[in-house]
Amino acid sequence: MRILVTGGAGFIGSNLVRHLLREREDTLVRVLDTLTYAGNLDNLADISEDPRFEFMRGDICDHDAARAAMTGVDQVVHLAAESHVDRSIISADAAVQTNFVGTFVMLEAAREAGVGRFLHMSTDEVYGSSLTDRFTEDTPLMPRNPYSASKAGADRLAYSYFITHDLPVVIARPANNYGPWQYPEKLIPFFVYRALRDEHLPVYGNGMQMRDWLYVEDDCRALLTILDRGEPGEAYNVEAGNEHANLDTIRLILEELAKPESLIRHVEDRPGHDLRYPMDGSKLRALGWSPQMPWDEGIRLTVRWFAEHGEWMTRAVARGQEYFENWYAGR
């Protein structure tokens, strides 16, 4: 069995590659990654010599690179994406090109190659925001920012390849992932980085936006459950049951680092900030998956991981220095 993981040098991708190599001895893993600011070979250094691992540098928007990566592949896990909402607000170009056009290129290459299964990574954000109703997989998609709109388009494009071309596509819509190797533009690593330097933590609005926190190892198990047992043409919510306000998570970060809450600084909220993505995950749970990591334990483990990998954090932040300076100026 050979599995292609696009975006395998990123956060979820690198964790999934490790998970596959650890749990499936008969599986060969090929990674296709263009190594943007968030894709980093440091994330794969510990498995780079594994004979079952192969790395190909290439852009998912490049038809030739996609076809080359698809050669001899049995299954595809398509994770490569521009995944940060704030960056898509500054400029949507990269999100639309990578998330939509890149998905089209990979679907075409998979169709030509006749792969046995194509898992497309979507997101809970495609549903928009709700304070009451829980989203099922049949809830209409109502994305509210350029990032989630590009992902919603790609989600439906992947579905169209199942209907039109009979490509065996399955779709995952996971909750808010966290864990080791996450690029420090996201909440937990970003605030760990700043708190360790006794810098203020810029919290959007009142900080009461709710997120369902899904530990990345739980997500990896969910993705493989969908890949193995999901019904072609179907989408699956990956719901962790760990809904907490951002402010509660930030306070737990500070507690674990023994830093004062006086570092919290409430700043102007970002445009169109979604308040909550409540999902019904019973469809996936019926396939035998359930989350294992409790919220507080997972957050503490993750905070300690970033605190212990200071050099990795510093190098990662340096790759996106211009963004951090521009977006957080005055915040």
Protein backbone atom coordinates (compact mmCIF):
# COMPACT_ATOMS: atom_id res chain seq x y z
CA MET A 1 0.00 0.00 0.00
CA ARG A 2 1.35 3.43 -0.99
CA ILE A 3 -0.37 6.53 0.39
CA LEU A 4 0.26 10.05 -0.88
CA VAL A 5 -0.05 12.78 1.77
CA THR A 6 -0.16 16.29 0.34
CA GLY A 7 1.04 18.96 2.75
CA GLY A 8 2.86 16.26 4.69
CA ALA A 9 5.53 18.66 5.96
CA GLY A 10 2.91 20.79 7.71
CA PHE A 11 1.24 20.41 11.08
CA ILE A 12 -1.46 17.78 10.58
CA GLY A 13 0.42 16.21 7.68
CA SER A 14 3.63 15.52 9.58
CA ASN A 15 1.67 14.05 12.48
CA LEU A 16 -0.28 11.84 10.07
CA VAL A 17 2.90 10.62 8.37
CA ARG A 18 4.33 9.58 11.74
CA HIS A 19 1.07 7.93 12.66
CA LEU A 20 0.99 5.92 9.42
CA LEU A 21 4.59 4.76 9.73
CA ARG A 22 4.06 3.81 13.37
CA GLU A 23 0.73 2.02 12.97
CA ARG A 24 0.96 0.46 9.49
CA GLU A 25 4.14 -1.45 8.85
CA ASP A 26 3.14 -2.44 5.32
CA THR A 27 2.43 1.15 4.22
CA LEU A 28 4.74 3.34 2.14
CA VAL A 29 4.15 7.07 2.62
CA ARG A 30 4.94 9.64 -0.04
CA VAL A 31 4.74 13.34 0.84
CA LEU A 32 4.16 16.11 -1.67
CA ASP A 33 4.84 19.54 -0.19
CA THR A 34 6.01 22.84 -1.66
CA LEU A 35 7.50 23.93 1.70
CA THR A 36 5.82 27.28 2.21
CA TYR A 37 6.34 29.16 5.47
CA ALA A 38 4.27 26.55 7.34
CA GLY A 39 5.74 23.48 5.63
CA ASN A 40 9.04 22.55 7.15
CA LEU A 41 11.38 19.58 6.72
CA ASP A 42 12.29 19.99 10.40
CA ASN A 43 8.82 18.55 11.06
CA LEU A 44 9.87 15.29 9.38
CA ALA A 45 13.51 15.07 10.44
CA ASP A 46 12.99 12.17 12.84
CA ILE A 47 11.51 9.90 10.13
CA SER A 48 13.46 11.16 7.12
CA GLU A 49 15.65 8.01 7.00
CA ASP A 50 12.76 5.57 7.23
CA PRO A 51 12.85 3.46 4.02
CA ARG A 52 9.05 3.57 3.88
CA PHE A 53 9.06 7.36 3.63
CA GLU A 54 9.54 9.40 0.46
CA PHE A 55 9.53 13.18 0.11
CA MET A 56 8.77 15.04 -3.11
CA ARG A 57 8.98 18.80 -3.22
CA GLY A 58 6.32 20.22 -5.47
CA ASP A 59 3.30 22.50 -5.72
CA ILE A 60 -0.16 20.92 -5.73
CA CYS A 61 -1.16 23.58 -8.29
CA ASP A 62 1.43 22.17 -10.73
CA HIS A 63 -0.14 19.49 -12.96
CA ASP A 64 3.20 17.82 -13.69
CA ALA A 65 4.14 17.65 -10.00
CA ALA A 66 0.72 16.26 -9.13
CA ARG A 67 0.93 13.55 -11.79
CA ALA A 68 4.45 12.58 -10.74
CA ALA A 69 3.42 12.34 -7.08
CA MET A 70 0.40 10.22 -8.02
CA THR A 71 2.48 7.55 -9.79
CA GLY A 72 1.98 4.15 -8.17
CA VAL A 73 -0.27 5.56 -5.43
CA ASP A 74 -3.16 3.55 -4.00
CA GLN A 75 -4.73 6.23 -1.80
CA VAL A 76 -4.47 10.01 -1.37
CA VAL A 77 -4.89 12.07 1.78
CA HIS A 78 -5.15 15.65 0.55
CA LEU A 79 -4.18 17.96 3.41
CA ALA A 80 -2.19 20.70 1.63
CA ALA A 81 -3.84 24.07 2.19
CA GLU A 82 -3.43 27.68 3.16
CA SER A 83 -5.15 27.30 6.52
CA HIS A 84 -5.00 30.63 8.32
CA VAL A 85 -8.08 32.86 8.38
CA ASP A 86 -6.15 36.03 9.26
CA ARG A 87 -3.86 35.65 6.24
CA SER A 88 -6.87 35.13 3.96
CA ILE A 89 -8.35 38.39 5.25
CA ILE A 90 -5.15 40.28 4.39
CA SER A 91 -5.15 38.69 0.92
CA ALA A 92 -7.29 35.82 -0.35
CA ASP A 93 -5.08 35.02 -3.36
CA ALA A 94 -3.06 32.23 -1.78
CA ALA A 95 -6.09 30.62 -0.13
CA VAL A 96 -8.11 30.53 -3.34
CA GLN A 97 -5.21 29.33 -5.47
CA THR A 98 -3.97 26.62 -3.13
CA ASN A 99 -7.21 25.47 -1.56
CA PHE A 100 -9.45 25.49 -4.63
CA VAL A 101 -7.22 25.35 -7.70
CA GLY A 102 -4.73 23.03 -5.98
CA THR A 103 -7.55 20.66 -5.03
CA PHE A 104 -8.75 20.66 -8.65
CA VAL A 105 -5.26 19.74 -9.86
CA MET A 106 -4.94 16.91 -7.35
CA LEU A 107 -8.41 15.56 -8.18
CA GLU A 108 -7.57 15.55 -11.88
CA ALA A 109 -4.30 13.73 -11.26
CA ALA A 110 -6.07 11.19 -9.03
CA ARG A 111 -8.77 10.64 -11.66
CA GLU A 112 -6.17 10.08 -14.39
CA ALA A 113 -4.21 7.68 -12.18
CA GLY A 114 -7.29 5.75 -11.05
CA VAL A 115 -6.46 5.90 -7.34
CA GLY A 116 -8.50 3.70 -5.02
CA ARG A 117 -9.49 6.36 -2.50
CA PHE A 118 -9.15 10.16 -2.25
CA LEU A 119 -9.64 11.75 1.18
CA HIS A 120 -10.21 15.48 1.02
CA MET A 121 -9.55 17.49 4.19
CA SER A 122 -12.24 20.11 4.66
CA THR A 123 -13.01 21.98 7.90
CA ASP A 124 -15.81 22.74 10.37
CA GLU A 125 -15.57 26.36 9.23
CA VAL A 126 -17.37 25.59 5.96
CA TYR A 127 -20.66 25.61 7.89
CA GLY A 128 -20.33 29.18 9.09
CA SER A 129 -21.22 30.13 12.66
CA SER A 130 -24.06 29.00 14.93
CA LEU A 131 -24.80 29.62 18.59
CA THR A 132 -27.53 26.97 18.80
CA ASP A 133 -28.02 24.37 16.08
CA ARG A 134 -25.46 21.59 15.70
CA PHE A 135 -24.16 21.11 12.19
CA THR A 136 -24.75 17.75 10.54
CA GLU A 137 -23.09 16.72 7.29
CA ASP A 138 -26.30 17.79 5.50
CA THR A 139 -26.25 21.34 6.89
CA PRO A 140 -25.87 23.89 4.05
CA LEU A 141 -22.35 25.31 3.78
CA MET A 142 -22.29 29.02 4.68
CA PRO A 143 -18.60 30.07 4.97
CA ARG A 144 -18.01 33.59 6.27
CA ASN A 145 -14.37 34.38 5.43
CA PRO A 146 -12.15 33.88 2.37
CA TYR A 147 -10.33 30.90 3.89
CA SER A 148 -13.48 28.94 4.73
CA ALA A 149 -15.06 29.91 1.41
CA SER A 150 -12.08 28.48 -0.48
CA LYS A 151 -12.36 25.29 1.57
CA ALA A 152 -16.11 25.04 0.99
CA GLY A 153 -15.53 25.36 -2.75
CA ALA A 154 -12.88 22.64 -2.66
CA ASP A 155 -15.16 20.45 -0.52
CA ARG A 156 -17.91 20.59 -3.14
CA LEU A 157 -15.45 20.24 -6.02
CA ALA A 158 -14.21 17.00 -4.48
CA TYR A 159 -17.81 15.79 -4.17
CA SER A 160 -18.43 16.66 -7.82
CA TYR A 161 -15.59 14.36 -8.88
CA PHE A 162 -17.36 11.51 -7.11
CA ILE A 163 -20.63 12.26 -8.88
CA THR A 164 -19.22 13.11 -12.31
CA HIS A 165 -16.16 10.88 -12.56
CA ASP A 166 -16.93 8.17 -9.98
CA LEU A 167 -13.70 9.04 -8.15
CA PRO A 168 -13.97 7.41 -4.69
CA VAL A 169 -13.83 10.63 -2.67
CA VAL A 170 -14.44 10.88 1.07
CA ILE A 171 -14.47 14.19 2.93
CA ALA A 172 -13.40 15.00 6.50
CA ARG A 173 -14.63 18.12 8.30
CA PRO A 174 -12.61 18.24 11.52
CA ALA A 175 -12.88 20.54 14.50
CA ASN A 176 -10.07 22.84 15.64
CA ASN A 177 -6.84 20.81 15.60
CA TYR A 178 -4.02 21.39 18.06
CA GLY A 179 -0.84 19.58 19.05
CA PRO A 180 2.91 19.34 18.32
CA TRP A 181 4.42 20.89 15.18
CA GLN A 182 1.62 23.41 14.65
CA TYR A 183 2.90 26.58 12.99
CA PRO A 184 2.92 29.40 15.58
CA GLU A 185 0.41 31.65 13.83
CA LYS A 186 -2.33 29.57 15.49
CA LEU A 187 -3.60 30.34 18.96
CA ILE A 188 -1.81 27.84 21.23
CA PRO A 189 1.74 27.97 19.82
CA PHE A 190 1.51 31.72 19.16
CA PHE A 191 0.50 32.49 22.73
CA VAL A 192 3.04 30.06 24.17
CA TYR A 193 5.75 31.79 22.14
CA ARG A 194 4.71 35.23 23.35
CA ALA A 195 4.07 34.23 26.97
CA LEU A 196 7.52 32.68 27.28
CA ARG A 197 8.91 36.09 26.29
CA ASP A 198 6.55 37.92 28.67
CA GLU A 199 4.92 39.66 25.72
CA HIS A 200 1.23 40.57 25.83
CA LEU A 201 -1.29 38.14 24.34
CA PRO A 202 -3.59 39.92 21.83
CA VAL A 203 -7.00 38.31 22.42
CA TYR A 204 -9.65 39.09 19.79
CA GLY A 205 -12.71 40.84 21.24
CA ASN A 206 -13.97 39.39 24.52
CA GLY A 207 -12.26 36.04 23.90
CA MET A 208 -15.52 34.14 24.25
CA GLN A 209 -15.43 32.58 20.79
CA MET A 210 -16.07 28.85 21.26
CA ARG A 211 -13.87 26.20 19.67
CA ASP A 212 -14.07 22.42 19.75
CA TRP A 213 -10.46 21.39 20.45
CA LEU A 214 -9.40 18.22 18.60
CA TYR A 215 -6.01 16.75 19.50
CA VAL A 216 -4.08 16.02 16.32
CA GLU A 217 -3.51 12.33 17.13
CA ASP A 218 -7.26 11.88 17.53
CA ASP A 219 -7.70 13.57 14.16
CA CYS A 220 -5.13 11.26 12.55
CA ARG A 221 -7.09 8.25 13.77
CA ALA A 222 -10.29 9.84 12.47
CA LEU A 223 -8.79 10.46 9.03
CA LEU A 224 -7.70 6.85 8.70
CA THR A 225 -11.11 5.64 9.86
CA ILE A 226 -12.71 7.74 7.11
CA LEU A 227 -10.12 6.59 4.59
CA ASP A 228 -10.69 2.92 5.43
CA ARG A 229 -14.39 2.76 6.23
CA GLY A 230 -16.01 5.94 4.95
CA GLU A 231 -18.61 5.68 2.23
CA PRO A 232 -17.46 7.23 -1.09
CA GLY A 233 -19.19 10.53 -1.74
CA GLU A 234 -19.87 11.13 1.94
CA ALA A 235 -18.58 13.82 4.33
CA TYR A 236 -17.83 13.15 8.01
CA ASN A 237 -17.73 15.63 10.87
CA VAL A 238 -14.80 15.03 13.22
CA GLU A 239 -16.17 16.41 16.47
CA ALA A 240 -14.11 16.22 19.64
CA GLY A 241 -16.71 17.17 22.26
CA ASN A 242 -14.22 19.63 23.77
CA GLU A 243 -15.91 23.00 23.30
CA HIS A 244 -14.28 25.79 25.28
CA ALA A 245 -14.05 29.55 25.00
CA ASN A 246 -10.75 30.82 23.63
CA LEU A 247 -10.23 32.75 26.85
CA ASP A 248 -10.45 29.55 28.90
CA THR A 249 -7.81 27.93 26.71
CA ILE A 250 -5.56 30.97 27.00
CA ARG A 251 -5.86 30.95 30.79
CA LEU A 252 -4.90 27.26 30.84
CA ILE A 253 -1.84 28.06 28.71
CA LEU A 254 -0.77 30.73 31.17
CA GLU A 255 -1.39 28.45 34.14
CA GLU A 256 0.76 25.69 32.63
CA LEU A 257 3.57 28.18 31.94
CA ALA A 258 3.20 29.82 35.38
CA LYS A 259 2.63 33.18 33.69
CA PRO A 260 0.24 35.90 34.95
CA GLU A 261 -3.14 36.62 33.37
CA SER A 262 -2.06 40.26 33.22
CA LEU A 263 -0.38 39.31 29.91
CA ILE A 264 -3.85 39.10 28.34
CA ARG A 265 -4.74 42.15 26.27
CA HIS A 266 -8.13 42.36 24.58
CA VAL A 267 -7.83 43.86 21.10
CA GLU A 268 -10.19 44.71 18.26
CA ASP A 269 -11.85 41.59 16.92
CA ARG A 270 -11.03 40.41 13.41
CA PRO A 271 -13.65 40.99 10.70
CA GLY A 272 -16.41 38.39 10.52
CA HIS A 273 -15.02 36.34 13.39
CA ASP A 274 -17.09 33.14 13.71
CA LEU A 275 -18.29 32.57 17.24
CA ARG A 276 -18.94 28.83 17.26
CA TYR A 277 -18.86 25.71 15.08
CA PRO A 278 -21.01 23.15 16.93
CA MET A 279 -20.99 19.83 15.04
CA ASP A 280 -22.81 16.53 15.34
CA GLY A 281 -20.16 13.82 14.98
CA SER A 282 -22.40 10.77 15.33
CA LYS A 283 -21.93 9.70 11.70
CA LEU A 284 -18.19 9.18 12.18
CA ARG A 285 -18.61 7.67 15.65
CA ALA A 286 -20.87 5.04 14.07
CA LEU A 287 -17.77 3.87 12.15
CA GLY A 288 -16.04 3.11 15.45
CA TRP A 289 -13.99 6.27 16.05
CA SER A 290 -14.08 8.36 19.20
CA PRO A 291 -11.71 11.01 20.58
CA GLN A 292 -9.39 9.93 23.38
CA MET A 293 -7.54 13.07 24.53
CA PRO A 294 -9.22 15.18 27.25
CA TRP A 295 -9.06 18.92 26.62
CA ASP A 296 -7.09 19.98 29.68
CA GLU A 297 -4.55 17.16 29.40
CA GLY A 298 -4.05 17.73 25.70
CA ILE A 299 -3.59 21.48 26.07
CA ARG A 300 -1.03 21.00 28.84
CA LEU A 301 0.90 18.39 26.83
CA THR A 302 0.93 20.68 23.81
CA VAL A 303 2.02 23.74 25.79
CA ARG A 304 4.92 21.76 27.27
CA TRP A 305 5.92 20.47 23.83
CA PHE A 306 6.21 24.00 22.44
CA ALA A 307 7.98 25.25 25.56
CA GLU A 308 10.54 22.44 25.12
CA HIS A 309 11.07 23.18 21.41
CA GLY A 310 12.09 26.81 21.63
CA GLU A 311 14.57 26.67 18.75
CA TRP A 312 11.98 25.16 16.43
CA MET A 313 9.52 27.90 17.46
CA THR A 314 12.04 30.68 16.86
CA ARG A 315 12.89 29.39 13.39
CA ALA A 316 9.22 28.97 12.53
CA VAL A 317 8.29 32.50 13.62
CA ALA A 318 11.21 33.93 11.65
CA ARG A 319 9.79 32.44 8.43
CA GLY A 320 6.62 34.47 8.88
CA GLN A 321 8.08 37.56 10.49
CA GLU A 322 6.60 39.99 7.97
CA TYR A 323 3.08 38.68 8.57
CA PHE A 324 3.39 38.91 12.36
CA GLU A 325 4.71 42.46 12.16
CA ASN A 326 1.99 43.61 9.76
CA TRP A 327 -1.06 41.86 11.22
CA TYR A 328 -0.32 42.53 14.88
CA ALA A 329 0.93 46.12 14.46
CA GLY A 330 -1.03 48.17 16.95
CA ARG A 331 -2.76 45.14 18.45
